[in-house]
PDB file of all heavy atoms in Angstrom:
ATOM      1  N   ARG A   1      71.821  41.796 -63.317  1.00  0.00           N
ATOM      2  CA  ARG A   1      73.036  42.531 -62.985  1.00  0.00           C
ATOM      3  C   ARG A   1      74.235  41.627 -62.684  1.00  0.00           C
ATOM      4  O   ARG A   1      75.148  42.021 -61.964  1.00  0.00           O
ATOM      5  CB  ARG A   1      72.774  43.459 -61.796  1.00  0.00           C
ATOM      6  CG  ARG A   1      71.765  44.553 -62.110  1.00  0.00           C
ATOM      7  CD  ARG A   1      71.657  45.566 -60.992  1.00  0.00           C
ATOM      8  NE  ARG A   1      70.727  46.638 -61.309  1.00  0.00           N
ATOM      9  CZ  ARG A   1      71.031  47.695 -62.046  1.00  0.00           C
ATOM     10  NH1 ARG A   1      72.246  47.835 -62.530  1.00  0.00           N
ATOM     11  NH2 ARG A   1      70.129  48.623 -62.284  1.00  0.00           N
ATOM     12  N   ASN A   2      74.233  40.432 -63.245  1.00  0.00           N
ATOM     13  CA  ASN A   2      75.407  39.573 -63.068  1.00  0.00           C
ATOM     14  C   ASN A   2      76.620  40.171 -63.770  1.00  0.00           C
ATOM     15  O   ASN A   2      77.737  40.116 -63.273  1.00  0.00           O
ATOM     16  CB  ASN A   2      75.104  38.185 -63.633  1.00  0.00           C
ATOM     17  CG  ASN A   2      76.236  37.205 -63.428  1.00  0.00           C
ATOM     18  OD1 ASN A   2      76.430  36.690 -62.339  1.00  0.00           O
ATOM     19  ND2 ASN A   2      76.994  36.940 -64.483  1.00  0.00           N
ATOM     20  N   GLY A   3      76.401  40.730 -64.944  1.00  0.00           N
ATOM     21  CA  GLY A   3      77.453  41.388 -65.715  1.00  0.00           C
ATOM     22  C   GLY A   3      76.933  42.694 -66.268  1.00  0.00           C
ATOM     23  O   GLY A   3      75.799  43.105 -66.019  1.00  0.00           O
ATOM     24  N   ILE A   4      77.755  43.367 -67.071  1.00  0.00           N
ATOM     25  CA  ILE A   4      77.379  44.675 -67.591  1.00  0.00           C
ATOM     26  C   ILE A   4      76.133  44.590 -68.466  1.00  0.00           C
ATOM     27  O   ILE A   4      75.239  45.430 -68.387  1.00  0.00           O
ATOM     28  CB  ILE A   4      78.552  45.294 -68.388  1.00  0.00           C
ATOM     29  CG1 ILE A   4      79.729  45.568 -67.455  1.00  0.00           C
ATOM     30  CG2 ILE A   4      78.109  46.582 -69.085  1.00  0.00           C
ATOM     31  CD1 ILE A   4      80.965  46.071 -68.155  1.00  0.00           C
ATOM     32  N   ASN A   5      76.042  43.556 -69.301  1.00  0.00           N
ATOM     33  CA  ASN A   5      74.888  43.440 -70.197  1.00  0.00           C
ATOM     34  C   ASN A   5      74.460  41.977 -70.309  1.00  0.00           C
ATOM     35  O   ASN A   5      74.266  41.458 -71.407  1.00  0.00           O
ATOM     36  CB  ASN A   5      75.221  44.010 -71.575  1.00  0.00           C
ATOM     37  CG  ASN A   5      73.980  44.256 -72.410  1.00  0.00           C
ATOM     38  OD1 ASN A   5      72.862  44.350 -71.901  1.00  0.00           O
ATOM     39  ND2 ASN A   5      74.162  44.349 -73.718  1.00  0.00           N
ATOM     40  N   ASP A   6      74.305  41.309 -69.170  1.00  0.00           N
ATOM     41  CA  ASP A   6      73.868  39.916 -69.167  1.00  0.00           C
ATOM     42  C   ASP A   6      72.347  39.840 -69.249  1.00  0.00           C
ATOM     43  O   ASP A   6      71.635  40.643 -68.632  1.00  0.00           O
ATOM     44  CB  ASP A   6      74.324  39.199 -67.889  1.00  0.00           C
ATOM     45  CG  ASP A   6      75.789  38.794 -67.957  1.00  0.00           C
ATOM     46  OD1 ASP A   6      76.339  38.755 -69.074  1.00  0.00           O
ATOM     47  OD2 ASP A   6      76.380  38.507 -66.897  1.00  0.00           O
ATOM     48  N   TRP A   7      71.863  38.855 -70.011  1.00  0.00           N
ATOM     49  CA  TRP A   7      70.427  38.601 -70.134  1.00  0.00           C
ATOM     50  C   TRP A   7      70.152  37.134 -69.837  1.00  0.00           C
ATOM     51  O   TRP A   7      70.902  36.258 -70.266  1.00  0.00           O
ATOM     52  CB  TRP A   7      69.940  38.929 -71.550  1.00  0.00           C
ATOM     53  CG  TRP A   7      69.758  40.390 -71.790  1.00  0.00           C
ATOM     54  CD1 TRP A   7      70.744  41.333 -71.910  1.00  0.00           C
ATOM     55  CD2 TRP A   7      68.514  41.074 -71.945  1.00  0.00           C
ATOM     56  NE1 TRP A   7      70.188  42.568 -72.122  1.00  0.00           N
ATOM     57  CE2 TRP A   7      68.818  42.446 -72.160  1.00  0.00           C
ATOM     58  CE3 TRP A   7      67.178  40.679 -71.935  1.00  0.00           C
ATOM     59  CZ2 TRP A   7      67.830  43.414 -72.352  1.00  0.00           C
ATOM     60  CZ3 TRP A   7      66.188  41.633 -72.125  1.00  0.00           C
ATOM     61  CH2 TRP A   7      66.521  42.987 -72.335  1.00  0.00           C
ATOM     62  N   ARG A   8      69.080  36.878 -69.092  1.00  0.00           N
ATOM     63  CA  ARG A   8      68.633  35.509 -68.853  1.00  0.00           C
ATOM     64  C   ARG A   8      67.804  35.020 -70.040  1.00  0.00           C
ATOM     65  O   ARG A   8      66.947  35.728 -70.529  1.00  0.00           O
ATOM     66  CB  ARG A   8      67.752  35.409 -67.606  1.00  0.00           C
ATOM     67  CG  ARG A   8      68.395  35.678 -66.274  1.00  0.00           C
ATOM     68  CD  ARG A   8      69.472  34.699 -65.813  1.00  0.00           C
ATOM     69  NE  ARG A   8      69.461  33.356 -66.363  1.00  0.00           N
ATOM     70  CZ  ARG A   8      68.785  32.314 -65.870  1.00  0.00           C
ATOM     71  NH1 ARG A   8      68.024  32.459 -64.811  1.00  0.00           N
ATOM     72  NH2 ARG A   8      68.907  31.123 -66.417  1.00  0.00           N
ATOM     73  N   PRO A   9      68.058  33.787 -70.499  1.00  0.00           N
ATOM     74  CA  PRO A   9      67.174  33.216 -71.518  1.00  0.00           C
ATOM     75  C   PRO A   9      65.766  33.049 -70.947  1.00  0.00           C
ATOM     76  O   PRO A   9      65.574  33.034 -69.729  1.00  0.00           O
ATOM     77  CB  PRO A   9      67.803  31.849 -71.808  1.00  0.00           C
ATOM     78  CG  PRO A   9      69.160  31.876 -71.168  1.00  0.00           C
ATOM     79  CD  PRO A   9      69.100  32.857 -70.061  1.00  0.00           C
ATOM     80  N   ALA A  10      64.785  32.919 -71.811  1.00  0.00           N
ATOM     81  CA  ALA A  10      63.435  32.594 -71.349  1.00  0.00           C
ATOM     82  C   ALA A  10      63.485  31.268 -70.598  1.00  0.00           C
ATOM     83  O   ALA A  10      64.102  30.302 -71.059  1.00  0.00           O
ATOM     84  CB  ALA A  10      62.485  32.492 -72.548  1.00  0.00           C
ATOM     85  N   HIS A  11      62.851  31.212 -69.426  1.00  0.00           N
ATOM     86  CA  HIS A  11      62.910  29.997 -68.632  1.00  0.00           C
ATOM     87  C   HIS A  11      61.733  29.926 -67.666  1.00  0.00           C
ATOM     88  O   HIS A  11      61.106  30.931 -67.352  1.00  0.00           O
ATOM     89  CB  HIS A  11      64.226  29.911 -67.846  1.00  0.00           C
ATOM     90  CG  HIS A  11      64.418  31.029 -66.873  1.00  0.00           C
ATOM     91  ND1 HIS A  11      64.882  32.274 -67.252  1.00  0.00           N
ATOM     92  CD2 HIS A  11      64.198  31.107 -65.532  1.00  0.00           C
ATOM     93  CE1 HIS A  11      64.945  33.060 -66.192  1.00  0.00           C
ATOM     94  NE2 HIS A  11      64.523  32.383 -65.129  1.00  0.00           N
ATOM     95  N   ILE A  12      61.476  28.711 -67.199  1.00  0.00           N
ATOM     96  CA  ILE A  12      60.460  28.457 -66.182  1.00  0.00           C
ATOM     97  C   ILE A  12      61.126  27.721 -65.036  1.00  0.00           C
ATOM     98  O   ILE A  12      61.855  26.758 -65.241  1.00  0.00           O
ATOM     99  CB  ILE A  12      59.290  27.635 -66.746  1.00  0.00           C
ATOM    100  CG1 ILE A  12      58.586  28.417 -67.864  1.00  0.00           C
ATOM    101  CG2 ILE A  12      58.294  27.277 -65.641  1.00  0.00           C
ATOM    102  CD1 ILE A  12      57.444  27.652 -68.525  1.00  0.00           C
ATOM    103  N   HIS A  13      60.894  28.183 -63.812  1.00  0.00           N
ATOM    104  CA  HIS A  13      61.458  27.560 -62.619  1.00  0.00           C
ATOM    105  C   HIS A  13      60.601  26.367 -62.188  1.00  0.00           C
ATOM    106  O   HIS A  13      59.375  26.419 -62.261  1.00  0.00           O
ATOM    107  CB  HIS A  13      61.513  28.565 -61.466  1.00  0.00           C
ATOM    108  CG  HIS A  13      62.400  29.739 -61.725  1.00  0.00           C
ATOM    109  ND1 HIS A  13      63.733  29.765 -61.359  1.00  0.00           N
ATOM    110  CD2 HIS A  13      62.146  30.934 -62.316  1.00  0.00           C
ATOM    111  CE1 HIS A  13      64.256  30.932 -61.707  1.00  0.00           C
ATOM    112  NE2 HIS A  13      63.317  31.652 -62.291  1.00  0.00           N
ATOM    113  N   TYR A  14      61.273  25.319 -61.712  1.00  0.00           N
ATOM    114  CA  TYR A  14      60.595  24.116 -61.229  1.00  0.00           C
ATOM    115  C   TYR A  14      61.034  23.804 -59.802  1.00  0.00           C
ATOM    116  O   TYR A  14      62.227  23.894 -59.473  1.00  0.00           O
ATOM    117  CB  TYR A  14      60.968  22.909 -62.086  1.00  0.00           C
ATOM    118  CG  TYR A  14      60.171  22.722 -63.348  1.00  0.00           C
ATOM    119  CD1 TYR A  14      60.284  23.605 -64.410  1.00  0.00           C
ATOM    120  CD2 TYR A  14      59.304  21.639 -63.493  1.00  0.00           C
ATOM    121  CE1 TYR A  14      59.566  23.429 -65.578  1.00  0.00           C
ATOM    122  CE2 TYR A  14      58.578  21.444 -64.661  1.00  0.00           C
ATOM    123  CZ  TYR A  14      58.717  22.337 -65.695  1.00  0.00           C
ATOM    124  OH  TYR A  14      57.996  22.154 -66.857  1.00  0.00           O
ATOM    125  N   SER A  15      60.077  23.418 -58.975  1.00  0.00           N
ATOM    126  CA  SER A  15      60.347  22.830 -57.663  1.00  0.00           C
ATOM    127  C   SER A  15      59.615  21.495 -57.629  1.00  0.00           C
ATOM    128  O   SER A  15      58.400  21.455 -57.863  1.00  0.00           O
ATOM    129  CB  SER A  15      59.857  23.741 -56.537  1.00  0.00           C
ATOM    130  OG  SER A  15      59.866  23.051 -55.294  1.00  0.00           O
ATOM    131  N   ILE A  16      60.343  20.414 -57.334  1.00  0.00           N
ATOM    132  CA  ILE A  16      59.773  19.069 -57.442  1.00  0.00           C
ATOM    133  C   ILE A  16      59.929  18.325 -56.127  1.00  0.00           C
ATOM    134  O   ILE A  16      61.019  18.275 -55.544  1.00  0.00           O
ATOM    135  CB  ILE A  16      60.466  18.284 -58.572  1.00  0.00           C
ATOM    136  CG1 ILE A  16      60.283  19.028 -59.899  1.00  0.00           C
ATOM    137  CG2 ILE A  16      59.919  16.865 -58.662  1.00  0.00           C
ATOM    138  CD1 ILE A  16      61.276  18.657 -60.954  1.00  0.00           C
ATOM    139  N   PHE A  17      58.829  17.764 -55.638  1.00  0.00           N
ATOM    140  CA  PHE A  17      58.832  16.879 -54.476  1.00  0.00           C
ATOM    141  C   PHE A  17      58.486  15.479 -54.952  1.00  0.00           C
ATOM    142  O   PHE A  17      57.386  15.245 -55.468  1.00  0.00           O
ATOM    143  CB  PHE A  17      57.792  17.327 -53.433  1.00  0.00           C
ATOM    144  CG  PHE A  17      58.120  18.611 -52.739  1.00  0.00           C
ATOM    145  CD1 PHE A  17      57.679  19.819 -53.236  1.00  0.00           C
ATOM    146  CD2 PHE A  17      58.866  18.599 -51.570  1.00  0.00           C
ATOM    147  CE1 PHE A  17      57.969  21.012 -52.585  1.00  0.00           C
ATOM    148  CE2 PHE A  17      59.168  19.794 -50.912  1.00  0.00           C
ATOM    149  CZ  PHE A  17      58.718  20.996 -51.419  1.00  0.00           C
ATOM    150  N   GLY A  18      59.405  14.530 -54.790  1.00  0.00           N
ATOM    151  CA  GLY A  18      59.136  13.145 -55.169  1.00  0.00           C
ATOM    152  C   GLY A  18      58.522  12.373 -54.021  1.00  0.00           C
ATOM    153  O   GLY A  18      57.757  12.906 -53.216  1.00  0.00           O
ATOM    154  N   THR A  19      58.880  11.095 -53.914  1.00  0.00           N
ATOM    155  CA  THR A  19      58.334  10.260 -52.837  1.00  0.00           C
ATOM    156  C   THR A  19      59.069  10.471 -51.520  1.00  0.00           C
ATOM    157  O   THR A  19      58.590  10.043 -50.472  1.00  0.00           O
ATOM    158  CB  THR A  19      58.409   8.780 -53.229  1.00  0.00           C
ATOM    159  OG1 THR A  19      59.783   8.430 -53.511  1.00  0.00           O
ATOM    160  CG2 THR A  19      57.565   8.503 -54.466  1.00  0.00           C
ATOM    161  N   GLY A  20      60.233  11.103 -51.561  1.00  0.00           N
ATOM    162  CA  GLY A  20      60.992  11.395 -50.353  1.00  0.00           C
ATOM    163  C   GLY A  20      61.650  12.753 -50.472  1.00  0.00           C
ATOM    164  O   GLY A  20      61.951  13.225 -51.577  1.00  0.00           O
ATOM    165  N   PHE A  21      61.890  13.413 -49.332  1.00  0.00           N
ATOM    166  CA  PHE A  21      62.447  14.761 -49.369  1.00  0.00           C
ATOM    167  C   PHE A  21      63.851  14.782 -49.977  1.00  0.00           C
ATOM    168  O   PHE A  21      64.280  15.800 -50.538  1.00  0.00           O
ATOM    169  CB  PHE A  21      62.478  15.354 -47.961  1.00  0.00           C
ATOM    170  CG  PHE A  21      62.661  16.849 -47.957  1.00  0.00           C
ATOM    171  CD1 PHE A  21      61.587  17.683 -48.219  1.00  0.00           C
ATOM    172  CD2 PHE A  21      63.901  17.417 -47.725  1.00  0.00           C
ATOM    173  CE1 PHE A  21      61.749  19.067 -48.237  1.00  0.00           C
ATOM    174  CE2 PHE A  21      64.077  18.796 -47.748  1.00  0.00           C
ATOM    175  CZ  PHE A  21      62.996  19.627 -47.998  1.00  0.00           C
ATOM    176  N   ALA A  22      64.574  13.650 -49.896  1.00  0.00           N
ATOM    177  CA  ALA A  22      65.918  13.591 -50.479  1.00  0.00           C
ATOM    178  C   ALA A  22      65.888  13.700 -52.000  1.00  0.00           C
ATOM    179  O   ALA A  22      66.919  13.936 -52.622  1.00  0.00           O
ATOM    180  CB  ALA A  22      66.614  12.293 -50.064  1.00  0.00           C
ATOM    181  N   GLN A  23      64.716  13.522 -52.602  1.00  0.00           N
ATOM    182  CA  GLN A  23      64.580  13.663 -54.050  1.00  0.00           C
ATOM    183  C   GLN A  23      64.291  15.102 -54.472  1.00  0.00           C
ATOM    184  O   GLN A  23      64.199  15.379 -55.665  1.00  0.00           O
ATOM    185  CB  GLN A  23      63.448  12.769 -54.563  1.00  0.00           C
ATOM    186  CG  GLN A  23      63.752  11.284 -54.569  1.00  0.00           C
ATOM    187  CD  GLN A  23      62.582  10.488 -55.129  1.00  0.00           C
ATOM    188  OE1 GLN A  23      61.456  10.635 -54.676  1.00  0.00           O
ATOM    189  NE2 GLN A  23      62.849   9.651 -56.101  1.00  0.00           N
ATOM    190  N   ARG A  24      64.148  15.997 -53.533  1.00  0.00           N
ATOM    191  CA  ARG A  24      63.775  17.387 -53.856  1.00  0.00           C
ATOM    192  C   ARG A  24      64.713  17.957 -54.916  1.00  0.00           C
ATOM    193  O   ARG A  24      65.937  17.847 -54.818  1.00  0.00           O
ATOM    194  CB  ARG A  24      63.847  18.241 -52.582  1.00  0.00           C
ATOM    195  CG  ARG A  24      63.492  19.719 -52.808  1.00  0.00           C
ATOM    196  CD  ARG A  24      61.994  19.915 -52.862  1.00  0.00           C
ATOM    197  NE  ARG A  24      61.623  21.258 -53.299  1.00  0.00           N
ATOM    198  CZ  ARG A  24      61.648  22.352 -52.542  1.00  0.00           C
ATOM    199  NH1 ARG A  24      62.061  22.273 -51.281  1.00  0.00           N
ATOM    200  NH2 ARG A  24      61.259  23.514 -53.029  1.00  0.00           N
ATOM    201  N   LEU A  25      64.128  18.566 -55.922  1.00  0.00           N
ATOM    202  CA  LEU A  25      64.908  19.157 -57.003  1.00  0.00           C
ATOM    203  C   LEU A  25      64.342  20.520 -57.344  1.00  0.00           C
ATOM    204  O   LEU A  25      63.137  20.674 -57.523  1.00  0.00           O
ATOM    205  CB  LEU A  25      64.867  18.254 -58.247  1.00  0.00           C
ATOM    206  CG  LEU A  25      65.584  18.797 -59.492  1.00  0.00           C
ATOM    207  CD1 LEU A  25      67.095  18.866 -59.264  1.00  0.00           C
ATOM    208  CD2 LEU A  25      65.264  17.938 -60.713  1.00  0.00           C
ATOM    209  N   ILE A  26      65.218  21.515 -57.421  1.00  0.00           N
ATOM    210  CA  ILE A  26      64.846  22.845 -57.905  1.00  0.00           C
ATOM    211  C   ILE A  26      65.692  23.121 -59.137  1.00  0.00           C
ATOM    212  O   ILE A  26      66.925  23.032 -59.088  1.00  0.00           O
ATOM    213  CB  ILE A  26      65.073  23.921 -56.832  1.00  0.00           C
ATOM    214  CG1 ILE A  26      64.203  23.641 -55.599  1.00  0.00           C
ATOM    215  CG2 ILE A  26      64.775  25.309 -57.385  1.00  0.00           C
ATOM    216  CD1 ILE A  26      64.410  24.592 -54.455  1.00  0.00           C
ATOM    217  N   THR A  27      65.046  23.416 -60.252  1.00  0.00           N
ATOM    218  CA  THR A  27      65.774  23.572 -61.499  1.00  0.00           C
ATOM    219  C   THR A  27      65.066  24.571 -62.401  1.00  0.00           C
ATOM    220  O   THR A  27      64.095  25.215 -61.990  1.00  0.00           O
ATOM    221  CB  THR A  27      65.934  22.201 -62.201  1.00  0.00           C
ATOM    222  OG1 THR A  27      66.819  22.323 -63.308  1.00  0.00           O
ATOM    223  CG2 THR A  27      64.599  21.653 -62.664  1.00  0.00           C
ATOM    224  N   GLN A  28      65.553  24.709 -63.625  1.00  0.00           N
ATOM    225  CA  GLN A  28      64.964  25.619 -64.593  1.00  0.00           C
ATOM    226  C   GLN A  28      64.839  24.917 -65.942  1.00  0.00           C
ATOM    227  O   GLN A  28      65.679  24.086 -66.297  1.00  0.00           O
ATOM    228  CB  GLN A  28      65.815  26.880 -64.751  1.00  0.00           C
ATOM    229  CG  GLN A  28      65.952  27.692 -63.477  1.00  0.00           C
ATOM    230  CD  GLN A  28      66.817  28.927 -63.657  1.00  0.00           C
ATOM    231  OE1 GLN A  28      66.985  29.430 -64.754  1.00  0.00           O
ATOM    232  NE2 GLN A  28      67.365  29.433 -62.564  1.00  0.00           N
ATOM    233  N   MET A  29      63.795  25.262 -66.659  1.00  0.00           N
ATOM    234  CA  MET A  29      63.560  24.723 -67.992  1.00  0.00           C
ATOM    235  C   MET A  29      63.732  25.836 -69.020  1.00  0.00           C
ATOM    236  O   MET A  29      63.177  26.930 -68.867  1.00  0.00           O
ATOM    237  CB  MET A  29      62.137  24.162 -68.084  1.00  0.00           C
ATOM    238  CG  MET A  29      61.794  23.553 -69.430  1.00  0.00           C
ATOM    239  SD  MET A  29      59.998  23.362 -69.670  1.00  0.00           S
ATOM    240  CE  MET A  29      59.583  25.009 -70.291  1.00  0.00           C
TER     241      MET A  29
END
């Protein structure tokens, strides 16, 4: 419902924890 007829592309969500919390990344593929 962002717009009248908006569609999200196919995607997979990622949450990544590296060696330190400052590297935390949340993104989409």
